[in-house]
Amino acid sequence: MKSILLAFAAILLITSQAYSQAGDAGFQILRLGYSARDLSLSAAGDAVTKEPVASYLNPAGLARDYRRGRVGLDGMLTHRTYIAGTMIDMFGTRFQAGSMSFGTSLLLSSVPDIEVRTVPGAAQGTFAAKDFAFAAGMARRFGSVDVGISAMYLYEKLFVYESSGYAFNAGVQFSPVKD
């Protein structure tokens, strides 16, 4: 069992480095942190996340607070005002049933009053940029290893341009000491 988990973790690490394209094109909202804790940890926040919004970052974190034989529900809501009036809202839920944990995350973002200019001079109007992401995932704890998967729907609108797509996340978290 340990060798299977190690092989799975190695494949995840290799493929995430080979296919990582964040920052090359659209969906820049995926690069921003969602909470004060995540922002303070920078990219390490993805590795140690255990909040209800883990289905958005690292779905293995859904199982992080697993308690054997319990059924539970918890949630998280964050609101942040960023530069240029950007507003980012994040909502997440986590439900534990038996040995499985399930979670959903919703991310909404908008940047209002971006000026439209097709020629030099006064602005010809304004528009708002909007982002939306919805993720659903599940995770399970195997001893001291948490394993999770999630699927995400993404939508972005900038002026008259729209884009949407799907993303899939898989994650593994190892905790050598008891939480």
Foldseek 3Di string as FASTA:
>chain_A
DVVVVVVVVVVQVVVCVVPPDQPPDDPVVLQDDDDPVCVVCRLCCLQPDQAQQNLSRAFLSLCQPPDAPDWDKDKDWDWDQDPQRKIKIKIKMWIDDHQKIKMKMKIKIKRWFDFDDPDPDDGPGGDMKIKIKMKIKMWGDDPQKIKMKMKMWIWIDDDPDIDIDMDMHIHMHGDPDRD
